[in-house]
Amino acid sequence: MSENKKQPVRVWCDGCYDMVHFGHANSLRQAKALGDVLIVGIHSDEEIAKHKGPPVFTQEERYKMVKGIKWVDEVVKNVPYITTLETLDKYDCDFCVHGDDITLTADGVDSYHLVKGAGRYKEVERTRGVSTTDIVGRMLLLTREHFRRGEREYEVERRQSTSLGLDHTATVPFTACSQFLPTSRKIIQFSEGMEPQKGDVVVYVAGAFDLFHTGHLDFLKKAKEQGDFLIVGLHTDPTVNRYKGSNYPIMNLHERVLSVLACRYVNEVVIGAPYAVSEELMAHFKVSLVCHGSKTPISDDTDGSDPYDLPKRKGIFKLLDSGNSTTTETIVERIIKHRRELNKKVLRSKRCNETVSKVNPVYSNVIFHDSLKI
């Protein structure tokens, strides 16, 4: 008599997943490690607006971003804000997983009280130093203190404010600069640790990939379709600032590394890749094809040369149209537009702080200055 096969452990996660970042990805990575199959439920725009205020990203954008995370096996749309036993049973899930922060409904009820009471709830540690509130704060402030150059490139600013209240001392909690402390262990956890197989077509792309969004996701999917193994080169913060200007990048190099590594289409990341694609780089990684977004401008290198000159001369350079017009700049513009609309509502209210928090709590800790330029 044959033994019954062990059934896979199905894990349930749910949430808003607005402005998906590497903190969300890390939570899902930990959840997947507790079982075999990870199902992620995502709340609708209407449900989020009812309990937290209108989301920044549409539900379709949020669905796409979560599907793009490599630890996610299935996405379920329009799930209720309160996680029920019926939901777990409907999708054959053994238990629910959430971070160690409390999520409340508009009525102040724990969203997970039902599954907790039934013993079908587990917690994972949230990623310290990053949150949607923090990232929104950086976009609104576009502070000059959230990244450094040279020896202080990844140092967290702790000095007295000298920038008219636009660094971390202007906000509570810190929203102007990254509080994320990178470690090699975290990078290893996100990395596949695999190498291309003999005969694989290795595709190389490079850029900032700041505020990882659906535009990046669609481009990387298109790039992966060109070959078998996709390598993404990430430029240093000073390099990105040189060609993007203002106070970009909003997320530092290590944060951008984790965001890109979490993408299911990416096999490897080059941390601090050279701006110009060199012979040494292509030979080392056995690059077969170099790609770039057709709608993304290519800035000259510091010496005025084309950074893609070599792959172009070799005939292995290709422009790709992802079909998605979303950029980091359009996301920042969207955030600022939302904030200005909230400011108008606040000015008509005598209870400013309460109004902002109720409309959308991710804006409640940030003072917006109309004079800021992108």
Protein backbone atom coordinates (compact mmCIF):
# COMPACT_ATOMS: atom_id res chain seq x y z
CA MET A 1 0.00 0.00 0.00
CA SER A 2 1.55 3.28 -1.09
CA GLU A 3 1.93 6.10 1.38
CA ASN A 4 -0.14 9.22 0.90
CA LYS A 5 1.83 12.06 -0.63
CA LYS A 6 2.43 14.99 1.68
CA GLN A 7 0.20 17.90 0.75
CA PRO A 8 1.97 21.20 0.07
CA VAL A 9 1.62 23.84 2.78
CA ARG A 10 -0.33 26.77 1.34
CA VAL A 11 0.38 30.15 2.90
CA TRP A 12 -1.91 33.19 2.70
CA CYS A 13 -0.84 36.84 2.83
CA ASP A 14 -3.00 39.87 2.13
CA GLY A 15 -2.73 43.64 2.14
CA CYS A 16 -2.90 46.88 0.20
CA TYR A 17 0.57 46.59 -1.35
CA ASP A 18 0.49 50.25 -2.33
CA MET A 19 3.82 51.49 -3.65
CA VAL A 20 5.36 48.01 -3.42
CA HIS A 21 8.93 48.16 -2.09
CA PHE A 22 11.57 45.70 -0.91
CA GLY A 23 10.02 45.68 2.56
CA HIS A 24 6.88 44.12 1.11
CA ALA A 25 9.02 41.69 -0.88
CA ASN A 26 10.97 40.69 2.24
CA SER A 27 7.75 39.99 4.12
CA LEU A 28 6.53 37.77 1.27
CA ARG A 29 9.91 36.04 1.11
CA GLN A 30 9.65 35.15 4.79
CA ALA A 31 6.04 33.99 4.36
CA LYS A 32 6.99 31.71 1.46
CA ALA A 33 9.72 30.14 3.62
CA LEU A 34 7.03 28.97 6.07
CA GLY A 35 5.34 26.80 3.44
CA ASP A 36 5.40 25.62 -0.14
CA VAL A 37 2.89 27.78 -2.03
CA LEU A 38 2.30 31.49 -1.41
CA ILE A 39 -1.06 33.06 -2.26
CA VAL A 40 -1.36 36.84 -1.92
CA GLY A 41 -4.69 38.61 -1.62
CA ILE A 42 -4.90 42.28 -2.57
CA HIS A 43 -7.54 44.73 -1.41
CA SER A 44 -9.51 46.80 -3.92
CA ASP A 45 -9.17 50.55 -4.27
CA GLU A 46 -12.62 50.98 -2.66
CA GLU A 47 -11.72 48.80 0.33
CA ILE A 48 -8.47 50.68 0.93
CA ALA A 49 -10.16 54.07 0.58
CA LYS A 50 -12.72 53.02 3.19
CA HIS A 51 -10.15 52.00 5.81
CA LYS A 52 -6.98 54.00 5.01
CA GLY A 53 -7.70 56.60 2.38
CA PRO A 54 -7.24 56.43 -1.41
CA PRO A 55 -4.16 54.47 -2.55
CA VAL A 56 -1.41 56.03 -4.65
CA PHE A 57 -1.33 53.17 -7.16
CA THR A 58 -4.38 51.70 -8.87
CA GLN A 59 -5.42 48.16 -8.08
CA GLU A 60 -4.27 46.98 -11.51
CA GLU A 61 -0.81 48.45 -10.87
CA ARG A 62 -0.73 46.83 -7.43
CA TYR A 63 -1.75 43.44 -8.86
CA LYS A 64 1.01 43.61 -11.45
CA MET A 65 3.70 44.60 -8.93
CA VAL A 66 2.87 41.77 -6.53
CA LYS A 67 2.73 39.24 -9.39
CA GLY A 68 6.22 40.39 -10.33
CA ILE A 69 7.71 39.36 -6.96
CA LYS A 70 9.51 36.06 -7.39
CA TRP A 71 8.24 34.39 -4.20
CA VAL A 72 4.55 34.86 -5.10
CA ASP A 73 2.78 31.88 -6.67
CA GLU A 74 -0.74 33.27 -7.03
CA VAL A 75 -2.52 36.62 -6.65
CA VAL A 76 -6.16 36.96 -5.59
CA LYS A 77 -7.95 40.22 -6.36
CA ASN A 78 -10.47 42.20 -4.29
CA VAL A 79 -10.11 40.39 -0.98
CA PRO A 80 -11.87 41.72 2.17
CA TYR A 81 -9.95 43.98 4.54
CA ILE A 82 -10.64 41.66 7.49
CA THR A 83 -9.08 38.25 6.89
CA THR A 84 -11.62 35.51 7.56
CA LEU A 85 -11.45 31.74 8.00
CA GLU A 86 -13.75 31.47 4.99
CA THR A 87 -11.12 33.19 2.85
CA LEU A 88 -8.39 30.81 4.02
CA ASP A 89 -10.60 27.80 3.37
CA LYS A 90 -11.73 29.07 -0.04
CA TYR A 91 -8.13 29.09 -1.26
CA ASP A 92 -7.08 25.96 0.68
CA CYS A 93 -4.61 27.89 2.81
CA ASP A 94 -3.30 26.42 6.05
CA PHE A 95 -2.62 29.73 7.76
CA CYS A 96 -2.19 33.49 7.28
CA VAL A 97 1.08 35.39 7.62
CA HIS A 98 1.59 39.08 8.35
CA GLY A 99 4.31 41.37 9.67
CA ASP A 100 4.68 42.17 13.35
CA ASP A 101 2.91 45.51 12.98
CA ILE A 102 -0.80 45.88 13.81
CA THR A 103 -3.26 46.53 10.98
CA LEU A 104 -6.57 48.09 11.99
CA THR A 105 -9.83 48.74 10.18
CA ALA A 106 -11.47 52.17 10.08
CA ASP A 107 -13.33 51.10 13.25
CA GLY A 108 -10.12 50.24 15.08
CA VAL A 109 -10.54 46.46 14.80
CA ASP A 110 -7.54 44.18 14.28
CA SER A 111 -7.81 42.98 10.68
CA TYR A 112 -6.50 39.56 11.67
CA HIS A 113 -8.46 38.94 14.89
CA LEU A 114 -10.50 36.09 13.37
CA VAL A 115 -7.55 34.04 12.10
CA LYS A 116 -5.56 34.80 15.25
CA GLY A 117 -8.42 33.47 17.39
CA ALA A 118 -8.52 30.27 15.35
CA GLY A 119 -4.77 29.66 15.67
CA ARG A 120 -4.22 30.09 11.93
CA TYR A 121 -1.98 33.13 12.04
CA LYS A 122 1.81 33.53 12.00
CA GLU A 123 4.00 36.61 12.16
CA VAL A 124 7.21 37.54 10.41
CA GLU A 125 9.49 40.45 11.20
CA ARG A 126 8.84 43.56 9.16
CA THR A 127 11.82 45.15 7.43
CA ARG A 128 13.03 47.93 9.69
CA GLY A 129 13.91 51.27 8.16
CA VAL A 130 11.57 51.28 5.18
CA SER A 131 7.86 51.96 4.81
CA THR A 132 5.48 53.47 2.31
CA THR A 133 5.29 56.55 4.57
CA ASP A 134 9.08 56.88 4.50
CA ILE A 135 9.28 56.62 0.71
CA VAL A 136 6.43 59.09 0.19
CA GLY A 137 8.24 61.45 2.53
CA ARG A 138 11.40 61.27 0.48
CA MET A 139 9.46 62.02 -2.69
CA LEU A 140 7.66 64.99 -1.18
CA LEU A 141 10.77 66.47 0.35
CA LEU A 142 13.31 65.40 -2.28
CA THR A 143 15.82 66.20 0.45
CA ARG A 144 19.51 66.56 -0.24
CA GLU A 145 20.27 64.52 2.88
CA HIS A 146 18.96 61.11 1.83
CA PHE A 147 22.10 60.05 0.01
CA ARG A 148 25.78 60.85 0.24
CA ARG A 149 28.83 60.68 -1.97
CA GLY A 150 32.20 59.04 -1.55
CA GLU A 151 33.02 57.80 1.96
CA ARG A 152 29.65 58.97 3.29
CA GLU A 153 27.61 57.57 0.40
CA TYR A 154 25.36 55.39 2.58
CA GLU A 155 25.64 57.21 5.89
CA VAL A 156 22.37 58.12 7.61
CA GLU A 157 22.13 61.85 8.26
CA ARG A 158 22.06 62.68 11.98
CA ARG A 159 23.22 66.30 12.09
CA GLN A 160 21.22 69.41 12.90
CA SER A 161 19.12 70.57 9.98
CA THR A 162 20.75 73.16 7.77
CA SER A 163 18.35 72.90 4.85
CA LEU A 164 15.31 74.92 5.96
CA GLY A 165 13.71 71.96 7.68
CA LEU A 166 13.92 69.69 4.68
CA ASP A 167 16.05 66.92 6.17
CA HIS A 168 15.04 64.24 8.70
CA THR A 169 14.68 66.73 11.59
CA ALA A 170 11.60 68.16 9.87
CA THR A 171 9.66 64.92 10.13
CA VAL A 172 8.43 62.44 12.70
CA PRO A 173 9.28 59.65 12.23
CA PHE A 174 12.32 60.07 9.96
CA THR A 175 10.95 60.26 6.43
CA ALA A 176 13.58 62.34 4.72
CA CYS A 177 16.42 59.85 4.65
CA SER A 178 16.85 56.11 4.50
CA GLN A 179 17.00 54.31 7.83
CA PHE A 180 17.53 50.94 6.15
CA LEU A 181 20.78 49.26 7.18
CA PRO A 182 21.95 46.91 4.41
CA THR A 183 23.76 43.66 5.15
CA SER A 184 25.35 41.02 2.94
CA ARG A 185 23.02 38.45 4.53
CA LYS A 186 19.96 40.33 3.29
CA ILE A 187 21.34 40.49 -0.25
CA ILE A 188 22.08 36.75 -0.16
CA GLN A 189 18.50 36.06 1.00
CA PHE A 190 17.15 37.92 -2.02
CA SER A 191 19.63 36.49 -4.53
CA GLU A 192 19.07 33.31 -6.55
CA GLY A 193 22.73 32.35 -6.31
CA MET A 194 22.59 30.79 -9.78
CA GLU A 195 24.88 31.18 -12.77
CA PRO A 196 24.01 30.99 -16.46
CA GLN A 197 24.19 27.54 -17.98
CA LYS A 198 26.36 26.66 -20.96
CA GLY A 199 24.73 27.98 -24.11
CA ASP A 200 22.46 30.46 -22.29
CA VAL A 201 21.88 33.82 -23.95
CA VAL A 202 22.92 36.38 -21.31
CA VAL A 203 21.10 39.72 -21.52
CA TYR A 204 22.48 42.82 -19.79
CA VAL A 205 20.59 46.01 -18.93
CA ALA A 206 21.65 48.90 -16.71
CA GLY A 207 20.13 51.93 -15.04
CA ALA A 208 18.91 53.49 -11.82
CA PHE A 209 15.71 51.48 -11.29
CA ASP A 210 14.73 54.01 -8.65
CA LEU A 211 11.33 53.56 -6.93
CA PHE A 212 10.88 50.20 -8.66
CA HIS A 213 7.56 50.42 -10.52
CA THR A 214 5.45 48.83 -13.26
CA GLY A 215 7.48 50.54 -15.99
CA HIS A 216 10.62 48.82 -14.73
CA LEU A 217 8.75 45.54 -14.35
CA ASP A 218 7.44 45.52 -17.93
CA PHE A 219 10.85 46.49 -19.30
CA LEU A 220 12.61 43.70 -17.41
CA LYS A 221 10.01 41.19 -18.57
CA LYS A 222 10.66 42.27 -22.15
CA ALA A 223 14.43 42.07 -21.62
CA LYS A 224 14.20 38.57 -20.12
CA GLU A 225 12.27 37.45 -23.23
CA GLN A 226 15.35 38.29 -25.32
CA GLY A 227 17.42 35.52 -23.74
CA ASP A 228 17.81 33.03 -20.91
CA PHE A 229 19.67 34.85 -18.13
CA LEU A 230 19.04 38.52 -17.24
CA ILE A 231 21.68 40.62 -15.48
CA VAL A 232 20.82 44.12 -14.25
CA GLY A 233 23.57 46.67 -13.66
CA LEU A 234 22.70 49.24 -11.01
CA HIS A 235 24.50 52.57 -11.08
CA THR A 236 25.81 54.20 -7.89
CA ASP A 237 23.87 57.04 -6.28
CA PRO A 238 26.30 59.77 -7.43
CA THR A 239 26.18 58.42 -10.99
CA VAL A 240 22.37 58.43 -10.98
CA ASN A 241 22.36 61.95 -9.56
CA ARG A 242 24.66 63.10 -12.36
CA TYR A 243 22.29 62.06 -15.14
CA LYS A 244 18.94 62.41 -13.34
CA GLY A 245 19.65 65.66 -11.53
CA SER A 246 17.67 67.24 -8.67
CA ASN A 247 18.02 64.98 -5.62
CA TYR A 248 17.62 61.62 -7.31
CA PRO A 249 17.90 58.75 -6.60
CA ILE A 250 15.16 58.64 -3.99
CA MET A 251 16.24 55.16 -2.89
CA ASN A 252 19.90 54.42 -2.27
CA LEU A 253 21.91 51.79 -4.09
CA HIS A 254 21.40 48.99 -1.56
CA GLU A 255 17.65 49.56 -1.46
CA ARG A 256 17.51 49.51 -5.25
CA VAL A 257 19.53 46.27 -5.30
CA LEU A 258 16.95 44.47 -3.15
CA SER A 259 14.04 45.90 -5.13
CA VAL A 260 15.49 44.59 -8.41
CA LEU A 261 16.58 41.24 -6.95
CA ALA A 262 12.98 40.62 -5.81
CA CYS A 263 11.79 40.77 -9.43
CA ARG A 264 11.00 37.34 -10.87
CA TYR A 265 12.58 38.20 -14.25
CA VAL A 266 16.02 39.09 -12.83
CA ASN A 267 18.75 36.48 -12.36
CA GLU A 268 21.65 38.63 -11.19
CA VAL A 269 22.52 42.20 -10.23
CA VAL A 270 25.79 44.09 -10.67
CA ILE A 271 26.07 46.44 -7.68
CA GLY A 272 27.57 49.79 -8.65
CA ALA A 273 27.88 48.91 -12.33
CA PRO A 274 30.09 51.13 -14.53
CA TYR A 275 28.09 53.69 -16.49
CA ALA A 276 29.76 52.76 -19.77
CA VAL A 277 29.33 49.13 -20.84
CA SER A 278 32.92 47.94 -21.12
CA GLU A 279 34.70 45.07 -22.81
CA GLU A 280 35.71 43.76 -19.38
CA LEU A 281 32.11 43.69 -18.16
CA MET A 282 30.78 41.94 -21.24
CA ALA A 283 33.58 39.36 -21.20
CA HIS A 284 33.26 38.67 -17.47
CA PHE A 285 29.51 38.00 -17.64
CA LYS A 286 29.60 36.50 -21.15
CA VAL A 287 27.01 39.04 -22.32
CA SER A 288 25.27 38.17 -25.58
CA LEU A 289 22.95 41.17 -25.81
CA VAL A 290 22.74 44.63 -24.24
CA CYS A 291 19.31 46.28 -24.05
CA HIS A 292 17.95 49.72 -23.14
CA GLY A 293 14.46 51.19 -22.97
CA SER A 294 13.43 52.93 -26.20
CA LYS A 295 11.74 55.77 -24.28
CA THR A 296 14.51 56.21 -21.70
CA PRO A 297 17.05 58.94 -22.59
CA ILE A 298 20.71 57.94 -22.78
CA SER A 299 22.98 60.53 -21.20
CA ASP A 300 26.59 60.84 -22.31
CA ASP A 301 29.35 59.58 -20.05
CA THR A 302 31.48 62.12 -18.17
CA ASP A 303 33.88 62.33 -21.13
CA GLY A 304 31.03 62.97 -23.56
CA SER A 305 31.05 59.47 -25.03
CA ASP A 306 28.08 57.15 -25.60
CA PRO A 307 27.95 54.58 -22.73
CA TYR A 308 26.64 51.99 -25.21
CA ASP A 309 29.20 52.68 -27.91
CA LEU A 310 30.97 49.31 -27.60
CA PRO A 311 27.90 47.01 -27.73
CA LYS A 312 26.57 49.13 -30.61
CA ARG A 313 29.79 48.65 -32.58
CA LYS A 314 29.66 44.92 -31.85
CA GLY A 315 26.09 44.76 -33.12
CA ILE A 316 24.69 43.42 -29.83
CA PHE A 317 22.71 46.48 -28.70
CA LYS A 318 18.92 46.57 -28.83
CA LEU A 319 16.29 49.15 -27.87
CA LEU A 320 13.16 47.70 -26.26
CA ASP A 321 9.68 49.20 -26.03
CA SER A 322 8.02 47.94 -22.86
CA GLY A 323 4.68 49.51 -23.79
CA ASN A 324 4.56 51.20 -20.37
CA SER A 325 5.06 54.95 -20.02
CA THR A 326 5.38 54.98 -16.21
CA THR A 327 8.60 56.59 -14.93
CA THR A 328 10.01 57.48 -11.54
CA GLU A 329 9.30 61.13 -12.32
CA THR A 330 5.61 60.51 -13.11
CA ILE A 331 5.24 58.69 -9.79
CA VAL A 332 6.76 61.61 -7.91
CA GLU A 333 4.45 63.97 -9.79
CA ARG A 334 1.49 61.79 -8.83
CA ILE A 335 2.46 61.91 -5.15
CA ILE A 336 2.91 65.69 -5.21
CA LYS A 337 -0.45 66.14 -6.96
CA HIS A 338 -2.15 64.04 -4.27
CA ARG A 339 -0.41 66.06 -1.57
CA ARG A 340 -1.50 69.39 -3.04
CA GLU A 341 -5.09 68.16 -3.14
CA LEU A 342 -4.80 67.18 0.51
CA ASN A 343 -3.29 70.55 1.40
CA LYS A 344 -6.35 72.29 -0.06
CA LYS A 345 -8.60 70.15 2.13
CA VAL A 346 -6.44 70.82 5.18
CA LEU A 347 -6.57 74.58 4.67
CA ARG A 348 -10.37 74.38 4.86
CA SER A 349 -10.22 72.53 8.16
CA LYS A 350 -9.45 73.71 11.69
CA ARG A 351 -8.14 70.28 12.59
CA CYS A 352 -5.26 70.03 10.10
CA ASN A 353 -3.33 67.04 11.48
CA GLU A 354 -6.45 64.93 12.04
CA THR A 355 -7.72 65.68 8.54
CA VAL A 356 -4.46 64.67 6.82
CA SER A 357 -4.19 61.46 8.84
CA LYS A 358 -7.74 60.43 8.05
CA VAL A 359 -7.49 61.18 4.33
CA ASN A 360 -4.30 59.15 3.95
CA PRO A 361 -1.93 58.39 6.84
CA VAL A 362 1.14 58.03 4.60
CA TYR A 363 1.13 61.83 4.20
CA SER A 364 0.48 62.72 7.85
CA ASN A 365 4.11 63.06 8.94
CA VAL A 366 5.36 65.18 6.04
CA ILE A 367 5.19 68.93 5.61
CA PHE A 368 4.96 69.71 1.89
CA HIS A 369 6.61 72.78 0.39
CA ASP A 370 5.22 74.03 -2.93
CA SER A 371 8.58 75.64 -3.68
CA LEU A 372 10.27 72.26 -4.06
CA LYS A 373 11.34 71.41 -7.58
CA ILE A 374 11.77 67.97 -9.11
